[in-house]
Structures are given as structure tokens and as C-alpha cells.
Amino acid sequence: MPESLHARYMKAAAAFREHGETCTRCSPDTRCPDGRRLQESFERLQDAYLAQQKKQA
């Protein structure tokens, strides 16, 4: 069974947060290439999840 959108969103949030806690090149204003990729993935999944929630309301 494929993972739910919510599960993917939560995994992306955790990966982004974990990266930010360990990466010495990332800051709140500037991200390294991996940090940018993780942030973009998190934001894309967050937008999709919130749009799905609005449709269900």
C-alpha cells in the first residue's frame, strides 16, 4: 500500500529538520544544496497536504 500524503509530508518535515540540526553550511537564511532540496520537498508536500485538507473541509 502506498504511503499516505500525510506520512510523506511528516517524513519530509523530519528529514528537513534533522538536516538543519546537523549541517554546518545551513542557516535560517541560506541553505546548502541538500538543505534546499529537502526544504523544497517539504514545502511541496506541505502545500499538497494543506490543499487536500481544504478540499475535505
PDB file of N, CA and C in Angstrom:
ATOM      1  N   MET A   1       0.846  -1.171   0.000  1.00  0.00           N
ATOM      2  CA  MET A   1       0.000   0.000   0.000  1.00  0.00           C
ATOM      3  C   MET A   1       0.901   1.247   0.000  1.00  0.00           C
ATOM      4  N   PRO A   2       0.638   2.203  -0.864  1.00  0.00           N
ATOM      5  CA  PRO A   2       1.456   3.417  -0.903  1.00  0.00           C
ATOM      6  C   PRO A   2       1.274   4.257   0.361  1.00  0.00           C
ATOM      7  N   GLU A   3       2.328   4.989   0.696  1.00  0.00           N
ATOM      8  CA  GLU A   3       2.261   5.859   1.865  1.00  0.00           C
ATOM      9  C   GLU A   3       1.264   6.986   1.632  1.00  0.00           C
ATOM     10  N   SER A   4       0.598   7.391   2.677  1.00  0.00           N
ATOM     11  CA  SER A   4      -0.337   8.499   2.578  1.00  0.00           C
ATOM     12  C   SER A   4       0.427   9.801   2.385  1.00  0.00           C
ATOM     13  N   LEU A   5      -0.252  10.786   1.870  1.00  0.00           N
ATOM     14  CA  LEU A   5       0.335  12.107   1.697  1.00  0.00           C
ATOM     15  C   LEU A   5       0.802  12.657   3.038  1.00  0.00           C
ATOM     16  N   HIS A   6       0.018  12.441   4.068  1.00  0.00           N
ATOM     17  CA  HIS A   6       0.386  12.917   5.401  1.00  0.00           C
ATOM     18  C   HIS A   6       1.687  12.272   5.869  1.00  0.00           C
ATOM     19  N   ALA A   7       1.842  10.981   5.673  1.00  0.00           N
ATOM     20  CA  ALA A   7       3.057  10.286   6.093  1.00  0.00           C
ATOM     21  C   ALA A   7       4.272  10.815   5.338  1.00  0.00           C
ATOM     22  N   ARG A   8       4.124  11.046   4.044  1.00  0.00           N
ATOM     23  CA  ARG A   8       5.236  11.578   3.252  1.00  0.00           C
ATOM     24  C   ARG A   8       5.585  12.997   3.700  1.00  0.00           C
ATOM     25  N   TYR A   9       4.569  13.789   3.994  1.00  0.00           N
ATOM     26  CA  TYR A   9       4.753  15.164   4.478  1.00  0.00           C
ATOM     27  C   TYR A   9       5.516  15.151   5.805  1.00  0.00           C
ATOM     28  N   MET A  10       5.132  14.274   6.725  1.00  0.00           N
ATOM     29  CA  MET A  10       5.791  14.196   8.026  1.00  0.00           C
ATOM     30  C   MET A  10       7.238  13.708   7.884  1.00  0.00           C
ATOM     31  N   LYS A  11       7.481  12.759   6.985  1.00  0.00           N
ATOM     32  CA  LYS A  11       8.851  12.281   6.759  1.00  0.00           C
ATOM     33  C   LYS A  11       9.719  13.396   6.180  1.00  0.00           C
ATOM     34  N   ALA A  12       9.158  14.163   5.262  1.00  0.00           N
ATOM     35  CA  ALA A  12       9.907  15.273   4.665  1.00  0.00           C
ATOM     36  C   ALA A  12      10.217  16.331   5.717  1.00  0.00           C
ATOM     37  N   ALA A  13       9.273  16.601   6.592  1.00  0.00           N
ATOM     38  CA  ALA A  13       9.497  17.575   7.665  1.00  0.00           C
ATOM     39  C   ALA A  13      10.609  17.095   8.587  1.00  0.00           C
ATOM     40  N   ALA A  14      10.595  15.821   8.937  1.00  0.00           N
ATOM     41  CA  ALA A  14      11.619  15.269   9.819  1.00  0.00           C
ATOM     42  C   ALA A  14      12.994  15.310   9.154  1.00  0.00           C
ATOM     43  N   ALA A  15      13.060  14.960   7.877  1.00  0.00           N
ATOM     44  CA  ALA A  15      14.340  14.970   7.165  1.00  0.00           C
ATOM     45  C   ALA A  15      14.892  16.388   7.077  1.00  0.00           C
ATOM     46  N   PHE A  16      14.037  17.348   6.791  1.00  0.00           N
ATOM     47  CA  PHE A  16      14.457  18.752   6.703  1.00  0.00           C
ATOM     48  C   PHE A  16      14.962  19.243   8.057  1.00  0.00           C
ATOM     49  N   ARG A  17      14.234  18.929   9.107  1.00  0.00           N
ATOM     50  CA  ARG A  17      14.603  19.340  10.460  1.00  0.00           C
ATOM     51  C   ARG A  17      15.927  18.684  10.885  1.00  0.00           C
ATOM     52  N   GLU A  18      16.073  17.380  10.647  1.00  0.00           N
ATOM     53  CA  GLU A  18      17.293  16.667  11.020  1.00  0.00           C
ATOM     54  C   GLU A  18      18.499  17.227  10.277  1.00  0.00           C
ATOM     55  N   HIS A  19      18.322  17.519   9.004  1.00  0.00           N
ATOM     56  CA  HIS A  19      19.425  18.081   8.230  1.00  0.00           C
ATOM     57  C   HIS A  19      19.848  19.425   8.818  1.00  0.00           C
ATOM     58  N   GLY A  20      18.882  20.256   9.122  1.00  0.00           N
ATOM     59  CA  GLY A  20      19.172  21.579   9.671  1.00  0.00           C
ATOM     60  C   GLY A  20      19.892  21.525  11.010  1.00  0.00           C
ATOM     61  N   GLU A  21      19.664  20.466  11.766  1.00  0.00           N
ATOM     62  CA  GLU A  21      20.299  20.327  13.078  1.00  0.00           C
ATOM     63  C   GLU A  21      21.756  19.889  12.973  1.00  0.00           C
ATOM     64  N   THR A  22      22.132  19.292  11.837  1.00  0.00           N
ATOM     65  CA  THR A  22      23.489  18.753  11.721  1.00  0.00           C
ATOM     66  C   THR A  22      24.344  19.454  10.672  1.00  0.00           C
ATOM     67  N   CYS A  23      23.753  20.153   9.745  1.00  0.00           N
ATOM     68  CA  CYS A  23      24.507  20.769   8.658  1.00  0.00           C
ATOM     69  C   CYS A  23      25.147  22.071   9.128  1.00  0.00           C
ATOM     70  N   THR A  24      26.436  22.173   8.914  1.00  0.00           N
ATOM     71  CA  THR A  24      27.151  23.378   9.316  1.00  0.00           C
ATOM     72  C   THR A  24      27.075  24.468   8.254  1.00  0.00           C
ATOM     73  N   ARG A  25      26.601  24.118   7.051  1.00  0.00           N
ATOM     74  CA  ARG A  25      26.519  25.106   5.975  1.00  0.00           C
ATOM     75  C   ARG A  25      25.146  25.772   5.895  1.00  0.00           C
ATOM     76  N   CYS A  26      24.155  25.223   6.559  1.00  0.00           N
ATOM     77  CA  CYS A  26      22.798  25.773   6.510  1.00  0.00           C
ATOM     78  C   CYS A  26      22.573  26.754   7.663  1.00  0.00           C
ATOM     79  N   SER A  27      21.796  27.779   7.369  1.00  0.00           N
ATOM     80  CA  SER A  27      21.337  28.725   8.375  1.00  0.00           C
ATOM     81  C   SER A  27      19.874  29.021   8.045  1.00  0.00           C
ATOM     82  N   PRO A  28      19.165  29.750   8.889  1.00  0.00           N
ATOM     83  CA  PRO A  28      17.770  30.064   8.565  1.00  0.00           C
ATOM     84  C   PRO A  28      17.603  30.828   7.245  1.00  0.00           C
ATOM     85  N   ASP A  29      18.635  31.572   6.848  1.00  0.00           N
ATOM     86  CA  ASP A  29      18.539  32.379   5.626  1.00  0.00           C
ATOM     87  C   ASP A  29      19.177  31.737   4.404  1.00  0.00           C
ATOM     88  N   THR A  30      20.110  30.824   4.603  1.00  0.00           N
ATOM     89  CA  THR A  30      20.853  30.221   3.499  1.00  0.00           C
ATOM     90  C   THR A  30      20.911  28.717   3.683  1.00  0.00           C
ATOM     91  N   ARG A  31      20.684  27.990   2.605  1.00  0.00           N
ATOM     92  CA  ARG A  31      20.713  26.531   2.659  1.00  0.00           C
ATOM     93  C   ARG A  31      21.767  25.993   1.699  1.00  0.00           C
ATOM     94  N   CYS A  32      22.379  24.883   2.080  1.00  0.00           N
ATOM     95  CA  CYS A  32      23.274  24.185   1.176  1.00  0.00           C
ATOM     96  C   CYS A  32      22.407  23.490   0.119  1.00  0.00           C
ATOM     97  N   PRO A  33      22.989  22.932  -0.927  1.00  0.00           N
ATOM     98  CA  PRO A  33      22.175  22.268  -1.960  1.00  0.00           C
ATOM     99  C   PRO A  33      21.259  21.167  -1.408  1.00  0.00           C
ATOM    100  N   ASP A  34      21.765  20.345  -0.506  1.00  0.00           N
ATOM    101  CA  ASP A  34      20.911  19.299   0.084  1.00  0.00           C
ATOM    102  C   ASP A  34      19.806  19.913   0.939  1.00  0.00           C
ATOM    103  N   GLY A  35      20.152  20.945   1.680  1.00  0.00           N
ATOM    104  CA  GLY A  35      19.160  21.630   2.501  1.00  0.00           C
ATOM    105  C   GLY A  35      18.056  22.256   1.660  1.00  0.00           C
ATOM    106  N   ARG A  36      18.435  22.857   0.530  1.00  0.00           N
ATOM    107  CA  ARG A  36      17.431  23.442  -0.380  1.00  0.00           C
ATOM    108  C   ARG A  36      16.516  22.363  -0.941  1.00  0.00           C
ATOM    109  N   ARG A  37      17.113  21.233  -1.331  1.00  0.00           N
ATOM    110  CA  ARG A  37      16.312  20.131  -1.882  1.00  0.00           C
ATOM    111  C   ARG A  37      15.319  19.620  -0.844  1.00  0.00           C
ATOM    112  N   LEU A  38      15.779  19.444   0.388  1.00  0.00           N
ATOM    113  CA  LEU A  38      14.900  18.964   1.453  1.00  0.00           C
ATOM    114  C   LEU A  38      13.812  19.984   1.782  1.00  0.00           C
ATOM    115  N   GLN A  39      14.178  21.261   1.792  1.00  0.00           N
ATOM    116  CA  GLN A  39      13.202  22.309   2.066  1.00  0.00           C
ATOM    117  C   GLN A  39      12.142  22.355   0.967  1.00  0.00           C
ATOM    118  N   GLU A  40      12.562  22.271  -0.284  1.00  0.00           N
ATOM    119  CA  GLU A  40      11.615  22.302  -1.398  1.00  0.00           C
ATOM    120  C   GLU A  40      10.674  21.108  -1.359  1.00  0.00           C
ATOM    121  N   SER A  41      11.210  19.939  -1.039  1.00  0.00           N
ATOM    122  CA  SER A  41      10.375  18.742  -0.934  1.00  0.00           C
ATOM    123  C   SER A  41       9.355  18.896   0.184  1.00  0.00           C
ATOM    124  N   PHE A  42       9.813  19.368   1.332  1.00  0.00           N
ATOM    125  CA  PHE A  42       8.913  19.593   2.466  1.00  0.00           C
ATOM    126  C   PHE A  42       7.815  20.593   2.101  1.00  0.00           C
ATOM    127  N   GLU A  43       8.197  21.719   1.500  1.00  0.00           N
ATOM    128  CA  GLU A  43       7.221  22.753   1.159  1.00  0.00           C
ATOM    129  C   GLU A  43       6.209  22.249   0.129  1.00  0.00           C
ATOM    130  N   ARG A  44       6.682  21.490  -0.861  1.00  0.00           N
ATOM    131  CA  ARG A  44       5.785  20.965  -1.887  1.00  0.00           C
ATOM    132  C   ARG A  44       4.770  20.002  -1.270  1.00  0.00           C
ATOM    133  N   LEU A  45       5.239  19.108  -0.397  1.00  0.00           N
ATOM    134  CA  LEU A  45       4.332  18.160   0.246  1.00  0.00           C
ATOM    135  C   LEU A  45       3.410  18.860   1.234  1.00  0.00           C
ATOM    136  N   GLN A  46       3.900  19.876   1.912  1.00  0.00           N
ATOM    137  CA  GLN A  46       3.059  20.635   2.834  1.00  0.00           C
ATOM    138  C   GLN A  46       1.931  21.326   2.071  1.00  0.00           C
ATOM    139  N   ASP A  47       2.270  21.964   0.954  1.00  0.00           N
ATOM    140  CA  ASP A  47       1.247  22.625   0.138  1.00  0.00           C
ATOM    141  C   ASP A  47       0.202  21.631  -0.348  1.00  0.00           C
ATOM    142  N   ALA A  48       0.664  20.469  -0.804  1.00  0.00           N
ATOM    143  CA  ALA A  48      -0.266  19.447  -1.299  1.00  0.00           C
ATOM    144  C   ALA A  48      -1.167  18.945  -0.173  1.00  0.00           C
ATOM    145  N   TYR A  49      -0.595  18.719   0.994  1.00  0.00           N
ATOM    146  CA  TYR A  49      -1.377  18.228   2.123  1.00  0.00           C
ATOM    147  C   TYR A  49      -2.416  19.267   2.554  1.00  0.00           C
ATOM    148  N   LEU A  50      -2.016  20.514   2.664  1.00  0.00           N
ATOM    149  CA  LEU A  50      -2.956  21.562   3.074  1.00  0.00           C
ATOM    150  C   LEU A  50      -4.065  21.757   2.041  1.00  0.00           C
ATOM    151  N   ALA A  51      -3.728  21.642   0.765  1.00  0.00           N
ATOM    152  CA  ALA A  51      -4.751  21.740  -0.286  1.00  0.00           C
ATOM    153  C   ALA A  51      -5.741  20.583  -0.162  1.00  0.00           C
ATOM    154  N   GLN A  52      -5.228  19.397   0.126  1.00  0.00           N
ATOM    155  CA  GLN A  52      -6.095  18.221   0.320  1.00  0.00           C
ATOM    156  C   GLN A  52      -7.026  18.436   1.515  1.00  0.00           C
ATOM    157  N   GLN A  53      -6.507  19.000   2.591  1.00  0.00           N
ATOM    158  CA  GLN A  53      -7.313  19.261   3.779  1.00  0.00           C
ATOM    159  C   GLN A  53      -8.422  20.272   3.484  1.00  0.00           C
ATOM    160  N   LYS A  54      -8.122  21.285   2.699  1.00  0.00           N
ATOM    161  CA  LYS A  54      -9.135  22.284   2.341  1.00  0.00           C
ATOM    162  C   LYS A  54     -10.261  21.664   1.537  1.00  0.00           C
ATOM    163  N   LYS A  55      -9.921  20.741   0.647  1.00  0.00           N
ATOM    164  CA  LYS A  55     -10.930  20.075  -0.176  1.00  0.00           C
ATOM    165  C   LYS A  55     -11.867  19.235   0.681  1.00  0.00           C
ATOM    166  N   GLN A  56     -11.328  18.668   1.754  1.00  0.00           N
ATOM    167  CA  GLN A  56     -12.128  17.783   2.610  1.00  0.00           C
ATOM    168  C   GLN A  56     -13.002  18.559   3.579  1.00  0.00           C
ATOM    169  N   ALA A  57     -12.702  19.834   3.790  1.00  0.00           N
ATOM    170  CA  ALA A  57     -13.459  20.629   4.760  1.00  0.00           C
ATOM    171  C   ALA A  57     -14.775  21.104   4.199  1.00  0.00           C
TER     172      ALA A  57
END
